[in-house]
Protein backbone atom coordinates (compact mmCIF):
# COMPACT_ATOMS: atom_id res chain seq x y z
CA UNK A 1 136.51 32.47 178.72
CA UNK A 2 133.62 31.39 176.44
CA UNK A 3 134.05 27.69 177.21
CA UNK A 4 135.57 25.98 180.19
CA UNK A 5 138.87 24.34 179.23
CA UNK A 6 139.57 20.80 180.28
CA UNK A 7 142.67 21.84 182.20
CA UNK A 8 144.66 24.79 183.40
CA UNK A 9 148.42 24.35 183.57
CA UNK A 10 149.73 26.59 186.34
CA UNK A 11 153.43 27.45 186.25
CA UNK A 12 154.86 29.25 189.28
CA UNK A 13 157.86 31.36 188.30
CA UNK A 14 160.62 33.32 189.95
CA UNK A 15 163.66 34.06 187.78
CA UNK A 16 162.82 31.05 185.65
CA UNK A 17 164.35 32.15 182.35
CA UNK A 18 166.56 29.07 181.89
CA UNK A 19 163.80 26.57 181.10
CA UNK A 20 160.63 28.64 180.79
CA UNK A 21 160.58 29.03 177.00
CA UNK A 22 160.93 25.27 176.54
CA UNK A 23 158.14 24.70 179.08
CA UNK A 24 155.73 27.12 177.41
CA UNK A 25 156.46 25.68 173.99
CA UNK A 26 155.86 22.15 175.28
CA UNK A 27 152.63 23.03 177.10
CA UNK A 28 151.35 25.03 174.12
CA UNK A 29 151.70 21.98 171.88
CA UNK A 30 149.87 19.49 174.11
CA UNK A 31 147.40 17.16 172.45
CA UNK A 32 144.30 17.30 174.64
CA UNK A 33 140.58 17.33 173.87
CA UNK A 34 138.76 20.25 175.39
CA UNK A 35 141.38 22.95 175.46
CA UNK A 36 144.25 24.00 177.71
CA UNK A 37 144.63 27.24 179.61
CA UNK A 38 148.19 28.25 180.57
CA UNK A 39 148.54 30.35 183.71
CA UNK A 40 151.84 31.82 184.90
CA UNK A 41 152.03 33.26 188.41
CA UNK A 42 155.23 35.25 188.78
CA UNK A 43 156.53 36.40 192.14
CA UNK A 44 158.85 39.25 191.30
CA UNK A 45 161.24 37.93 188.65
CA UNK A 46 164.14 40.24 187.77
CA UNK A 47 165.53 38.23 184.86
CA UNK A 48 163.91 37.79 181.42
CA UNK A 49 161.02 35.64 182.70
CA UNK A 50 158.33 38.25 181.94
CA UNK A 51 159.76 38.93 178.47
CA UNK A 52 159.58 35.22 177.69
CA UNK A 53 155.95 35.04 178.86
CA UNK A 54 155.13 38.06 176.64
CA UNK A 55 156.22 36.03 173.61
CA UNK A 56 153.24 33.71 174.23
CA UNK A 57 150.09 35.88 173.86
CA UNK A 58 147.71 33.11 174.93
CA UNK A 59 149.40 32.71 178.32
CA UNK A 60 147.60 34.33 181.25
CA UNK A 61 150.08 36.17 183.49
CA UNK A 62 149.34 37.05 187.09
CA UNK A 63 152.00 38.89 189.11
CA UNK A 64 152.40 38.98 192.88
CA UNK A 65 155.09 40.58 195.07
CA UNK A 66 157.80 38.18 196.13
CA UNK A 67 156.85 38.70 199.78
CA UNK A 68 153.38 37.32 199.06
CA UNK A 69 154.62 34.02 197.62
CA UNK A 70 153.98 30.84 199.54
CA UNK A 71 154.34 27.31 198.19
CA UNK A 72 150.87 26.37 199.39
CA UNK A 73 148.94 29.63 199.22
CA UNK A 74 150.18 30.49 195.72
CA UNK A 75 148.98 27.13 194.45
CA UNK A 76 145.61 27.85 196.05
CA UNK A 77 145.66 31.21 194.27
CA UNK A 78 146.31 29.41 190.99
CA UNK A 79 143.24 27.24 191.56
CA UNK A 80 141.17 30.38 192.23
CA UNK A 81 142.38 32.06 189.03
CA UNK A 82 142.13 28.95 186.84
CA UNK A 83 139.18 28.10 184.61
CA UNK A 84 139.94 24.44 183.86
CA UNK A 85 138.10 21.51 185.44
CA UNK A 86 141.52 20.14 186.34
CA UNK A 87 144.62 22.05 187.34
CA UNK A 88 148.12 20.80 186.60
CA UNK A 89 151.09 22.28 188.43
CA UNK A 90 154.59 22.68 187.04
CA UNK A 91 157.61 24.34 188.57
CA UNK A 92 159.52 26.73 186.32
CA UNK A 93 162.25 24.14 185.70
CA UNK A 94 160.12 21.09 184.79
CA UNK A 95 159.88 20.54 181.03
CA UNK A 96 157.17 18.19 179.66
CA UNK A 97 158.80 15.51 177.54
CA UNK A 98 155.99 14.67 175.13
CA UNK A 99 152.89 16.26 173.54
CA UNK A 100 150.75 13.72 175.45
CA UNK A 101 152.17 14.68 178.86
CA UNK A 102 148.99 16.45 179.99
CA UNK A 103 146.60 13.82 178.61
CA UNK A 104 148.53 11.13 180.49
CA UNK A 105 148.55 13.24 183.66
CA UNK A 106 144.76 13.59 183.54
CA UNK A 107 143.90 10.03 182.47
CA UNK A 108 143.88 8.53 186.02
CA UNK A 109 141.00 10.83 186.99
CA UNK A 110 138.77 8.83 184.64
CA UNK A 111 139.56 5.56 186.44
CA UNK A 112 137.86 6.36 189.73
CA UNK A 113 136.04 9.40 191.13
CA UNK A 114 138.03 9.00 194.34
CA UNK A 115 141.24 9.83 192.46
CA UNK A 116 141.83 13.49 193.33
CA UNK A 117 145.59 13.88 192.95
CA UNK A 118 147.99 12.60 190.29
CA UNK A 119 151.76 12.54 190.47
CA UNK A 120 153.74 12.55 187.21
CA UNK A 121 157.19 11.12 186.59
CA UNK A 122 160.43 13.10 186.73
CA UNK A 123 163.37 12.25 184.48
CA UNK A 124 166.72 13.72 185.56
CA UNK A 125 168.59 16.03 183.22
CA UNK A 126 171.55 14.38 181.48
CA UNK A 127 174.11 16.65 183.16
CA UNK A 128 172.99 16.42 186.79
CA UNK A 129 175.42 14.83 189.24
CA UNK A 130 175.12 11.05 189.70
CA UNK A 131 173.77 11.03 193.26
CA UNK A 132 170.78 13.15 192.25
CA UNK A 133 170.33 11.28 188.97
CA UNK A 134 170.18 7.86 190.59
CA UNK A 135 168.05 9.09 193.51
CA UNK A 136 165.41 10.43 191.10
CA UNK A 137 165.44 7.30 188.93
CA UNK A 138 165.20 5.05 191.98
CA UNK A 139 162.47 7.07 193.68
CA UNK A 140 160.09 6.99 190.72
CA UNK A 141 160.88 3.38 189.82
CA UNK A 142 159.43 2.40 193.21
CA UNK A 143 156.02 3.86 192.31
CA UNK A 144 155.35 1.41 189.51
CA UNK A 145 156.29 0.39 185.95
CA UNK A 146 156.18 2.86 183.07
CA UNK A 147 153.59 0.77 181.23
CA UNK A 148 150.97 1.03 183.99
CA UNK A 149 149.16 3.45 186.27
CA UNK A 150 149.46 2.99 190.04
CA UNK A 151 146.75 3.89 192.55
CA UNK A 152 147.55 4.63 196.18
CA UNK A 153 145.02 4.60 199.01
CA UNK A 154 144.92 4.02 202.72
CA UNK A 155 143.73 0.56 203.69
CA UNK A 156 143.88 -1.48 206.88
CA UNK A 157 147.45 -2.43 205.97
CA UNK A 158 148.65 1.18 206.15
CA UNK A 159 148.92 2.00 209.82
CA UNK A 160 152.66 2.31 210.43
CA UNK A 161 154.39 5.63 209.80
CA UNK A 162 156.74 4.30 207.11
CA UNK A 163 153.92 2.89 204.98
CA UNK A 164 151.85 6.06 205.31
CA UNK A 165 154.82 8.21 204.27
CA UNK A 166 155.34 6.05 201.19
CA UNK A 167 151.64 6.12 200.26
CA UNK A 168 151.34 9.87 200.64
CA UNK A 169 154.55 10.94 198.86
CA UNK A 170 153.70 13.78 196.50
CA UNK A 171 155.57 16.36 194.46
CA UNK A 172 154.23 19.51 192.85
CA UNK A 173 157.08 19.63 190.37
CA UNK A 174 154.69 17.73 188.09
CA UNK A 175 151.20 17.04 189.40
CA UNK A 176 147.48 17.54 188.83
CA UNK A 177 144.29 17.66 190.86
CA UNK A 178 140.61 18.37 190.45
CA UNK A 179 140.36 22.15 190.75
CA UNK A 180 137.13 22.06 192.78
CA UNK A 181 138.76 19.67 195.22
CA UNK A 182 141.45 22.23 196.10
CA UNK A 183 138.90 25.04 196.29
CA UNK A 184 136.29 23.28 198.41
CA UNK A 185 137.70 20.16 200.09
CA UNK A 186 141.44 20.01 200.81
CA UNK A 187 143.39 23.16 199.96
CA UNK A 188 147.15 23.41 200.11
CA UNK A 189 148.37 24.41 203.55
CA UNK A 190 150.33 27.62 204.00
CA UNK A 191 153.49 26.00 205.35
CA UNK A 192 157.10 27.06 204.87
CA UNK A 193 157.99 24.10 202.67
CA UNK A 194 156.79 20.58 201.73
CA UNK A 195 153.24 21.76 201.05
CA UNK A 196 152.97 18.97 198.48
CA UNK A 197 153.94 16.24 200.95
CA UNK A 198 151.36 17.54 203.43
CA UNK A 199 148.72 17.70 200.68
CA UNK A 200 149.48 14.11 199.70
CA UNK A 201 149.21 12.95 203.31
CA UNK A 202 145.88 14.74 203.84
CA UNK A 203 144.49 13.24 200.62
CA UNK A 204 145.37 9.71 201.77
CA UNK A 205 144.23 10.28 205.37
CA UNK A 206 140.85 11.56 204.15
CA UNK A 207 140.21 8.33 202.25
CA UNK A 208 140.81 9.63 198.73
CA UNK A 209 143.05 8.04 196.12
CA UNK A 210 146.31 9.29 194.65
CA UNK A 211 147.66 8.05 191.32
CA UNK A 212 151.07 7.81 189.71
CA UNK A 213 151.11 8.45 185.95
CA UNK A 214 154.60 7.46 184.70
CA UNK A 215 153.98 8.41 181.07
CA UNK A 216 153.23 11.98 182.17
CA UNK A 217 156.94 12.68 182.40
CA UNK A 218 158.92 15.89 182.71
CA UNK A 219 162.63 16.54 182.52
CA UNK A 220 163.62 17.84 185.93
CA UNK A 221 166.49 17.84 188.38
CA UNK A 222 167.55 20.75 190.53
CA UNK A 223 170.48 22.75 189.18
CA UNK A 224 172.35 22.99 192.47
CA UNK A 225 175.94 23.60 193.44
CA UNK A 226 177.61 21.42 196.04
CA UNK A 227 176.81 23.94 198.77
CA UNK A 228 173.23 24.52 197.59
CA UNK A 229 172.60 20.79 197.48
CA UNK A 230 173.32 20.45 201.18
CA UNK A 231 171.10 23.42 202.02
CA UNK A 232 168.25 21.91 199.96
CA UNK A 233 168.55 18.61 201.84
CA UNK A 234 168.43 20.59 205.08
CA UNK A 235 165.30 22.45 203.93
CA UNK A 236 163.48 19.32 202.84
CA UNK A 237 164.25 17.41 206.03
CA UNK A 238 163.37 20.23 208.41
CA UNK A 239 160.16 20.87 206.48
CA UNK A 240 159.07 17.25 206.87
CA UNK A 241 159.59 17.55 210.61
CA UNK A 242 157.62 20.80 210.66
CA UNK A 243 154.58 19.15 209.06
CA UNK A 244 154.65 16.31 211.56
CA UNK A 245 156.76 13.59 209.95
CA UNK A 246 158.66 11.68 212.62
CA UNK A 247 162.39 11.74 211.80
CA UNK A 248 164.65 10.59 214.64
CA UNK A 249 168.03 12.25 215.25
CA UNK A 250 170.80 10.73 213.14
CA UNK A 251 174.03 9.62 214.75
CA UNK A 252 177.47 10.17 213.25
CA UNK A 253 177.95 6.44 212.75
CA UNK A 254 174.78 6.36 210.69
CA UNK A 255 176.08 9.21 208.54
CA UNK A 256 179.28 7.28 207.84
CA UNK A 257 177.32 4.13 207.04
CA UNK A 258 175.02 5.96 204.61
CA UNK A 259 177.94 7.74 202.91
CA UNK A 260 179.87 4.52 202.37
CA UNK A 261 176.87 2.51 201.21
CA UNK A 262 175.66 5.25 198.85
CA UNK A 263 179.10 5.96 197.42
CA UNK A 264 179.80 2.30 196.69
CA UNK A 265 176.40 1.79 195.09
CA UNK A 266 176.71 4.91 192.94
CA UNK A 267 180.25 4.00 191.88
CA UNK A 268 178.97 0.70 190.50
CA UNK A 269 176.23 2.57 188.62
CA UNK A 270 178.68 5.15 187.25
CA UNK A 271 180.93 2.42 185.88
CA UNK A 272 177.97 0.88 184.02
CA UNK A 273 176.33 4.16 182.97
CA UNK A 274 176.58 4.60 179.17
CA UNK A 275 175.83 8.33 179.54
CA UNK A 276 179.35 8.94 180.87
CA UNK A 277 182.46 8.88 178.74
CA UNK A 278 185.69 7.62 180.27
CA UNK A 279 187.02 10.96 181.56
CA UNK A 280 183.65 11.99 182.97
CA UNK A 281 183.21 8.59 184.56
CA UNK A 282 186.58 8.89 186.31
CA UNK A 283 185.70 12.43 187.42
CA UNK A 284 182.45 11.34 189.05
CA UNK A 285 184.02 8.30 190.68
CA UNK A 286 186.19 10.78 192.58
CA UNK A 287 183.73 13.64 193.11
CA UNK A 288 180.36 11.94 193.66
CA UNK A 289 181.25 10.56 197.15
CA UNK A 290 181.66 14.15 198.36
CA UNK A 291 178.02 14.79 197.44
CA UNK A 292 177.06 11.84 199.64
CA UNK A 293 179.00 13.42 202.49
CA UNK A 294 177.20 16.70 201.88
CA UNK A 295 173.82 14.99 201.73
CA UNK A 296 174.05 13.02 204.94
CA UNK A 297 175.82 15.61 207.06
CA UNK A 298 173.14 18.12 206.05
CA UNK A 299 170.43 15.57 206.77
CA UNK A 300 171.90 14.90 210.22
CA UNK A 301 172.03 18.60 210.99
CA UNK A 302 168.36 18.89 210.00
CA UNK A 303 167.42 16.05 212.37
CA UNK A 304 169.12 17.83 215.26
CA UNK A 305 167.94 21.42 214.79
CA UNK A 306 164.86 22.66 216.62
CA UNK A 307 162.27 22.99 213.80
CA UNK A 308 160.51 25.73 215.79
CA UNK A 309 163.68 27.85 215.99
CA UNK A 310 163.22 30.17 213.00
CA UNK A 311 166.71 31.65 213.23
CA UNK A 312 168.43 28.26 213.39
CA UNK A 313 166.38 26.96 210.48
CA UNK A 314 167.06 30.07 208.38
CA UNK A 315 170.81 29.74 209.00
CA UNK A 316 170.92 26.44 207.11
CA UNK A 317 168.13 27.10 204.62
CA UNK A 318 168.51 27.53 200.88
CA UNK A 319 165.01 29.03 200.75
CA UNK A 320 165.99 31.74 203.25
CA UNK A 321 169.22 32.42 201.41
CA UNK A 322 167.45 32.92 198.09
CA UNK A 323 164.80 35.19 199.57
CA UNK A 324 167.50 37.35 201.14
CA UNK A 325 169.48 37.72 197.91
């Protein structure tokens, strides 16, 4: 490229035809000084993903075999292929909401040179099931108000495991970092899952700052069936244990307590939620508690399995199931 762009937006795809056109249209229309490079790394799509990419001549496409994909190593590959000073990561189902998404995602880097990683907001899709919808809304509301930017760093106050986990929370659904930082200082680790959580923890532990940019929002919630939802919870929980997060075994009584508490809380939210009409509201009042059962029974199973037992982990894993199909 004749001039270095301000940012490269890297989109990792595998059978991402459902949302990819909307994503590429949104990224192509971003309002950002200095130029934007769009990089798609595809790992063996068999749907219309590649045809969609071909409709955008300015997009750089790099293809790898599916067997070579890794959540961490493919993001490192994106940093190696990128030309931008910053690199923003999107999954193939995260759609930027506004033409200033990227500018907002990069703005925290100008606040402090120690800011090396920025987490953007996720807004659940209108049709996702209530448990997921309210979990996403609640999770990002805890990071700070939409009218501000929040900085996270490790101070003397952050010595207990719970505080460190909260400080280092990170998601590559919608994030950005300084490209040179990934290439020369802290790369993504080649772990089975939760590479973003490990990256966030290493950033905080090394004394760098992480930022939350709420106005850099994307529409995103996983399109999962009831069965897939449980397997995803299993994957996420086992992965956290595999990267060193301490998660004690969950007892059956705790499962029941979480199911009841979550179901009651969600039911109150469903009743007040203007997004649901009467029939849909009644439907979710009946069905949503079953998702809580699925969530916490899957979570308990993940706290009991041996994270070093590859066969046992694969038996409950959505990742393993999708790779085998």
